PDB file of N, CA and C in Angstrom:
ATOM      1  N   MET A   1      -8.011   4.856  -6.652  1.00  0.00           N
ATOM      2  CA  MET A   1      -7.000   3.814  -5.587  1.00  0.00           C
ATOM      3  C   MET A   1      -8.128   3.398  -4.738  1.00  0.00           C
ATOM      4  N   ASN A   2      -9.083   1.894  -4.074  1.00  0.00           N
ATOM      5  CA  ASN A   2     -10.196   1.320  -3.521  1.00  0.00           C
ATOM      6  C   ASN A   2      -9.602   1.172  -2.666  1.00  0.00           C
ATOM      7  N   GLU A   3      -9.959   1.527  -1.066  1.00  0.00           N
ATOM      8  CA  GLU A   3      -9.054   1.313   0.365  1.00  0.00           C
ATOM      9  C   GLU A   3     -10.380   0.648   0.911  1.00  0.00           C
ATOM     10  N   SER A   4     -10.186  -0.261   1.810  1.00  0.00           N
ATOM     11  CA  SER A   4     -11.390  -0.861   2.490  1.00  0.00           C
ATOM     12  C   SER A   4     -11.899  -0.056   3.627  1.00  0.00           C
ATOM     13  N   TRP A   5     -12.390  -0.132   3.849  1.00  0.00           N
ATOM     14  CA  TRP A   5     -13.071   0.629   5.145  1.00  0.00           C
ATOM     15  C   TRP A   5     -12.036   0.437   6.600  1.00  0.00           C
ATOM     16  N   PHE A   6     -11.144  -0.552   7.056  1.00  0.00           N
ATOM     17  CA  PHE A   6     -11.138  -0.928   7.745  1.00  0.00           C
ATOM     18  C   PHE A   6      -8.620  -0.467   7.263  1.00  0.00           C
ATOM     19  N   GLN A   7      -8.618   0.435   5.862  1.00  0.00           N
ATOM     20  CA  GLN A   7      -7.879   0.745   5.840  1.00  0.00           C
ATOM     21  C   GLN A   7      -8.214   2.612   6.110  1.00  0.00           C
ATOM     22  N   LYS A   8      -8.823   2.875   5.622  1.00  0.00           N
ATOM     23  CA  LYS A   8      -9.503   4.327   6.192  1.00  0.00           C
ATOM     24  C   LYS A   8      -9.415   4.728   7.149  1.00  0.00           C
ATOM     25  N   HIS A   9      -9.259   3.221   8.314  1.00  0.00           N
ATOM     26  CA  HIS A   9      -9.962   3.622  10.041  1.00  0.00           C
ATOM     27  C   HIS A   9      -8.875   2.938  10.514  1.00  0.00           C
ATOM     28  N   TRP A  10      -8.145   2.533  10.421  1.00  0.00           N
ATOM     29  CA  TRP A  10      -7.359   1.697  11.060  1.00  0.00           C
ATOM     30  C   TRP A  10      -6.983   2.879  12.184  1.00  0.00           C
ATOM     31  N   ARG A  11      -5.778   4.154  12.073  1.00  0.00           N
ATOM     32  CA  ARG A  11      -5.510   5.652  12.192  1.00  0.00           C
ATOM     33  C   ARG A  11      -6.113   6.676  13.568  1.00  0.00           C
ATOM     34  N   PRO A  12      -7.482   6.735  12.739  1.00  0.00           N
ATOM     35  CA  PRO A  12      -8.914   7.178  14.150  1.00  0.00           C
ATOM     36  C   PRO A  12      -8.766   6.208  15.412  1.00  0.00           C
ATOM     37  N   MET A  13      -8.844   5.306  15.266  1.00  0.00           N
ATOM     38  CA  MET A  13      -9.947   4.037  15.636  1.00  0.00           C
ATOM     39  C   MET A  13      -8.218   3.780  16.972  1.00  0.00           C
ATOM     40  N   LEU A  14      -7.288   4.063  16.403  1.00  0.00           N
ATOM     41  CA  LEU A  14      -5.596   3.389  17.073  1.00  0.00           C
ATOM     42  C   LEU A  14      -5.910   4.452  18.274  1.00  0.00           C
ATOM     43  N   MET A  15      -6.002   6.141  17.852  1.00  0.00           N
ATOM     44  CA  MET A  15      -5.849   7.003  18.576  1.00  0.00           C
ATOM     45  C   MET A  15      -6.838   7.646  19.460  1.00  0.00           C
ATOM     46  N   ILE A  16      -8.395   6.886  19.132  1.00  0.00           N
ATOM     47  CA  ILE A  16      -9.722   7.094  19.804  1.00  0.00           C
ATOM     48  C   ILE A  16      -9.343   6.117  21.153  1.00  0.00           C
ATOM     49  N   ILE A  17      -8.864   4.555  20.877  1.00  0.00           N
ATOM     50  CA  ILE A  17      -8.390   3.549  22.039  1.00  0.00           C
ATOM     51  C   ILE A  17      -7.720   4.175  22.990  1.00  0.00           C
ATOM     52  N   PHE A  18      -6.251   4.312  22.341  1.00  0.00           N
ATOM     53  CA  PHE A  18      -4.976   5.286  23.757  1.00  0.00           C
ATOM     54  C   PHE A  18      -6.058   6.665  23.976  1.00  0.00           C
ATOM     55  N   THR A  19      -6.797   7.200  23.606  1.00  0.00           N
ATOM     56  CA  THR A  19      -7.414   8.571  24.539  1.00  0.00           C
ATOM     57  C   THR A  19      -8.444   8.006  25.389  1.00  0.00           C
ATOM     58  N   VAL A  20      -8.885   6.855  25.286  1.00  0.00           N
ATOM     59  CA  VAL A  20      -9.779   6.349  26.026  1.00  0.00           C
ATOM     60  C   VAL A  20      -9.616   5.302  27.868  1.00  0.00           C
ATOM     61  N   LEU A  21      -7.878   4.937  27.036  1.00  0.00           N
ATOM     62  CA  LEU A  21      -7.227   4.340  28.145  1.00  0.00           C
ATOM     63  C   LEU A  21      -6.653   5.301  28.971  1.00  0.00           C
ATOM     64  N   ILE A  22      -5.640   6.379  28.896  1.00  0.00           N
ATOM     65  CA  ILE A  22      -5.740   7.643  28.960  1.00  0.00           C
ATOM     66  C   ILE A  22      -6.625   8.027  30.107  1.00  0.00           C
ATOM     67  N   THR A  23      -7.599   8.666  29.036  1.00  0.00           N
ATOM     68  CA  THR A  23      -9.137   8.844  30.087  1.00  0.00           C
ATOM     69  C   THR A  23      -9.222   8.461  31.774  1.00  0.00           C
ATOM     70  N   ALA A  24      -9.533   7.014  31.170  1.00  0.00           N
ATOM     71  CA  ALA A  24      -9.563   5.530  31.955  1.00  0.00           C
ATOM     72  C   ALA A  24      -9.009   5.560  33.343  1.00  0.00           C
ATOM     73  N   HIS A  25      -7.439   5.818  32.663  1.00  0.00           N
ATOM     74  CA  HIS A  25      -6.549   5.650  33.405  1.00  0.00           C
ATOM     75  C   HIS A  25      -7.075   6.992  34.729  1.00  0.00           C
ATOM     76  N   TRP A  26      -6.416   7.960  34.409  1.00  0.00           N
ATOM     77  CA  TRP A  26      -7.440   9.717  35.049  1.00  0.00           C
ATOM     78  C   TRP A  26      -8.518   9.767  35.973  1.00  0.00           C
ATOM     79  N   PHE A  27      -8.945   8.405  35.548  1.00  0.00           N
ATOM     80  CA  PHE A  27     -10.673   8.206  36.512  1.00  0.00           C
ATOM     81  C   PHE A  27     -10.548   7.366  37.311  1.00  0.00           C
ATOM     82  N   GLY A  28      -8.699   6.993  37.396  1.00  0.00           N
ATOM     83  CA  GLY A  28      -8.735   5.844  38.433  1.00  0.00           C
ATOM     84  C   GLY A  28     -10.007   4.107  37.738  1.00  0.00           C
ATOM     85  N   LEU A  29      -9.572   3.372  36.508  1.00  0.00           N
ATOM     86  CA  LEU A  29     -10.455   2.611  36.016  1.00  0.00           C
ATOM     87  C   LEU A  29      -9.837   1.762  35.670  1.00  0.00           C
ATOM     88  N   THR A  30      -8.207   1.881  36.188  1.00  0.00           N
ATOM     89  CA  THR A  30      -7.685   0.772  35.342  1.00  0.00           C
ATOM     90  C   THR A  30      -6.765  -0.259  36.995  1.00  0.00           C
ATOM     91  N   ALA A  31      -5.617  -0.511  36.593  1.00  0.00           N
ATOM     92  CA  ALA A  31      -4.788  -0.860  37.793  1.00  0.00           C
ATOM     93  C   ALA A  31      -4.543  -0.159  38.610  1.00  0.00           C
ATOM     94  N   ASN A  32      -4.147  -0.777  39.908  1.00  0.00           N
ATOM     95  CA  ASN A  32      -3.529   0.238  40.523  1.00  0.00           C
ATOM     96  C   ASN A  32      -1.983   0.211  40.814  1.00  0.00           C
ATOM     97  N   ASP A  33      -1.222  -1.612  40.759  1.00  0.00           N
ATOM     98  CA  ASP A  33       0.355  -1.224  40.850  1.00  0.00           C
ATOM     99  C   ASP A  33       0.717  -1.273  38.980  1.00  0.00           C
ATOM    100  N   ILE A  34       0.270  -0.204  38.064  1.00  0.00           N
ATOM    101  CA  ILE A  34       1.078  -0.347  37.096  1.00  0.00           C
ATOM    102  C   ILE A  34       2.787   0.800  37.708  1.00  0.00           C
ATOM    103  N   PRO A  35       3.738   0.155  37.718  1.00  0.00           N
ATOM    104  CA  PRO A  35       4.295   1.471  38.217  1.00  0.00           C
ATOM    105  C   PRO A  35       4.379   2.858  37.779  1.00  0.00           C
ATOM    106  N   GLU A  36       4.933   3.550  37.585  1.00  0.00           N
ATOM    107  CA  GLU A  36       5.157   5.106  37.486  1.00  0.00           C
ATOM    108  C   GLU A  36       6.081   4.825  36.068  1.00  0.00           C
ATOM    109  N   SER A  37       7.160   4.684  36.090  1.00  0.00           N
ATOM    110  CA  SER A  37       7.826   4.124  35.214  1.00  0.00           C
ATOM    111  C   SER A  37       7.615   3.891  34.328  1.00  0.00           C
ATOM    112  N   VAL A  38       6.520   2.282  34.103  1.00  0.00           N
ATOM    113  CA  VAL A  38       5.702   1.974  32.543  1.00  0.00           C
ATOM    114  C   VAL A  38       4.358   3.203  32.192  1.00  0.00           C
ATOM    115  N   GLN A  39       3.706   4.049  32.938  1.00  0.00           N
ATOM    116  CA  GLN A  39       2.785   4.557  32.929  1.00  0.00           C
ATOM    117  C   GLN A  39       3.165   6.147  32.212  1.00  0.00           C
ATOM    118  N   GLY A  40       4.692   6.617  32.686  1.00  0.00           N
ATOM    119  CA  GLY A  40       6.020   7.579  31.283  1.00  0.00           C
ATOM    120  C   GLY A  40       5.322   6.599  30.229  1.00  0.00           C
ATOM    121  N   LYS A  41       6.207   5.683  30.217  1.00  0.00           N
ATOM    122  CA  LYS A  41       7.183   4.926  29.012  1.00  0.00           C
ATOM    123  C   LYS A  41       5.035   5.584  27.936  1.00  0.00           C
ATOM    124  N   MET A  42       4.503   4.542  28.219  1.00  0.00           N
ATOM    125  CA  MET A  42       3.339   4.331  27.704  1.00  0.00           C
ATOM    126  C   MET A  42       2.668   6.305  27.081  1.00  0.00           C
ATOM    127  N   LEU A  43       2.606   6.415  28.178  1.00  0.00           N
ATOM    128  CA  LEU A  43       2.531   7.804  27.956  1.00  0.00           C
ATOM    129  C   LEU A  43       3.298   8.252  26.789  1.00  0.00           C
ATOM    130  N   THR A  44       4.719   8.283  27.161  1.00  0.00           N
ATOM    131  CA  THR A  44       5.401   9.116  25.785  1.00  0.00           C
ATOM    132  C   THR A  44       5.288   7.553  24.721  1.00  0.00           C
ATOM    133  N   LEU A  45       5.232   6.926  24.266  1.00  0.00           N
ATOM    134  CA  LEU A  45       4.344   6.583  23.187  1.00  0.00           C
ATOM    135  C   LEU A  45       3.766   7.222  23.113  1.00  0.00           C
ATOM    136  N   ILE A  46       2.393   6.744  23.748  1.00  0.00           N
ATOM    137  CA  ILE A  46       0.975   7.178  23.127  1.00  0.00           C
ATOM    138  C   ILE A  46       1.544   8.806  22.185  1.00  0.00           C
ATOM    139  N   THR A  47       1.935   9.373  22.744  1.00  0.00           N
ATOM    140  CA  THR A  47       2.562  11.321  22.386  1.00  0.00           C
ATOM    141  C   THR A  47       3.073  11.450  21.604  1.00  0.00           C
ATOM    142  N   VAL A  48       3.832  10.146  20.687  1.00  0.00           N
ATOM    143  CA  VAL A  48       4.763  10.275  19.603  1.00  0.00           C
ATOM    144  C   VAL A  48       4.245   9.909  18.590  1.00  0.00           C
ATOM    145  N   LEU A  49       3.224   8.673  18.606  1.00  0.00           N
ATOM    146  CA  LEU A  49       2.129   8.601  18.136  1.00  0.00           C
ATOM    147  C   LEU A  49       1.321   9.237  17.915  1.00  0.00           C
ATOM    148  N   GLY A  50       1.172   9.988  19.061  1.00  0.00           N
ATOM    149  CA  GLY A  50       0.068  10.855  18.376  1.00  0.00           C
ATOM    150  C   GLY A  50       0.236  11.846  17.366  1.00  0.00           C
ATOM    151  N   GLY A  51       2.045  12.187  17.837  1.00  0.00           N
ATOM    152  CA  GLY A  51       2.280  13.100  16.517  1.00  0.00           C
ATOM    153  C   GLY A  51       2.705  12.800  14.941  1.00  0.00           C
ATOM    154  N   ILE A  52       2.690  10.388  15.542  1.00  0.00           N
ATOM    155  CA  ILE A  52       3.597  10.714  14.215  1.00  0.00           C
ATOM    156  C   ILE A  52       1.723  10.523  12.722  1.00  0.00           C
ATOM    157  N   TYR A  53       1.166  10.862  13.876  1.00  0.00           N
ATOM    158  CA  TYR A  53      -0.247  10.776  13.234  1.00  0.00           C
ATOM    159  C   TYR A  53      -0.609  12.050  13.152  1.00  0.00           C
ATOM    160  N   VAL A  54      -0.913  12.744  13.794  1.00  0.00           N
ATOM    161  CA  VAL A  54      -1.481  14.694  12.710  1.00  0.00           C
ATOM    162  C   VAL A  54      -0.027  14.763  11.953  1.00  0.00           C
ATOM    163  N   GLY A  55       0.831  14.254  12.435  1.00  0.00           N
ATOM    164  CA  GLY A  55       2.252  14.418  10.941  1.00  0.00           C
ATOM    165  C   GLY A  55       2.098  14.171   9.819  1.00  0.00           C
ATOM    166  N   GLY A  56       2.109  12.645   9.803  1.00  0.00           N
ATOM    167  CA  GLY A  56       1.623  11.815   8.878  1.00  0.00           C
ATOM    168  C   GLY A  56       0.479  12.939   7.876  1.00  0.00           C
ATOM    169  N   ARG A  57      -0.790  12.367   8.907  1.00  0.00           N
ATOM    170  CA  ARG A  57      -2.143  12.974   8.306  1.00  0.00           C
ATOM    171  C   ARG A  57      -1.501  14.023   6.817  1.00  0.00           C
ATOM    172  N   SER A  58      -1.162  15.174   7.757  1.00  0.00           N
ATOM    173  CA  SER A  58      -0.909  16.377   7.383  1.00  0.00           C
ATOM    174  C   SER A  58       0.046  16.922   6.123  1.00  0.00           C
ATOM    175  N   ALA A  59       1.221  15.599   6.501  1.00  0.00           N
ATOM    176  CA  ALA A  59       1.754  15.677   4.958  1.00  0.00           C
ATOM    177  C   ALA A  59       1.260  14.983   4.168  1.00  0.00           C
ATOM    178  N   GLU A  60       0.635  13.734   3.923  1.00  0.00           N
ATOM    179  CA  GLU A  60      -0.214  13.100   3.376  1.00  0.00           C
ATOM    180  C   GLU A  60      -1.014  14.004   2.198  1.00  0.00           C
ATOM    181  N   LYS A  61      -2.336  14.489   3.156  1.00  0.00           N
ATOM    182  CA  LYS A  61      -2.496  15.941   2.372  1.00  0.00           C
ATOM    183  C   LYS A  61      -1.850  17.260   1.708  1.00  0.00           C
ATOM    184  N   ILE A  62      -0.781  17.473   1.823  1.00  0.00           N
ATOM    185  CA  ILE A  62       0.360  18.075   1.520  1.00  0.00           C
ATOM    186  C   ILE A  62       0.425  17.515   0.118  1.00  0.00           C
ATOM    187  N   VAL A  63       1.069  16.097   0.096  1.00  0.00           N
ATOM    188  CA  VAL A  63       1.750  15.630  -1.325  1.00  0.00           C
ATOM    189  C   VAL A  63       0.346  15.819  -2.304  1.00  0.00           C
ATOM    190  N   ASN A  64      -0.883  15.461  -1.809  1.00  0.00           N
ATOM    191  CA  ASN A  64      -2.205  14.833  -2.870  1.00  0.00           C
ATOM    192  C   ASN A  64      -2.140  16.445  -3.588  1.00  0.00           C
ATOM    193  N   LYS A  65      -2.058  17.329  -2.724  1.00  0.00           N
ATOM    194  CA  LYS A  65      -1.793  18.829  -3.176  1.00  0.00           C
ATOM    195  C   LYS A  65      -0.662  18.960  -4.512  1.00  0.00           C
ATOM    196  N   LEU A  66      -0.016  18.808  -3.781  1.00  0.00           N
ATOM    197  CA  LEU A  66       1.590  19.485  -5.011  1.00  0.00           C
ATOM    198  C   LEU A  66       1.313  17.982  -5.907  1.00  0.00           C
ATOM    199  N   LYS A  67       0.567  17.322  -6.513  1.00  0.00           N
ATOM    200  CA  LYS A  67       0.323  16.153  -7.096  1.00  0.00           C
ATOM    201  C   LYS A  67      -0.503  16.998  -8.690  1.00  0.00           C
TER     202      LYS A  67
END
């Protein structure tokens, strides 16, 4: 199957972007007026997406080995 560069790399790029955003927030490089409730929801979303990404990649590799 021929996949484009973007199809192969969109998930890792998305996780890198999220990691950069979290790191920027920890170092105080983001806006100070973001409510803590919104920050918590964003971190929860990133955590869930990260889990789905890692779990999805693992499942994908297992399925490929079973074929």
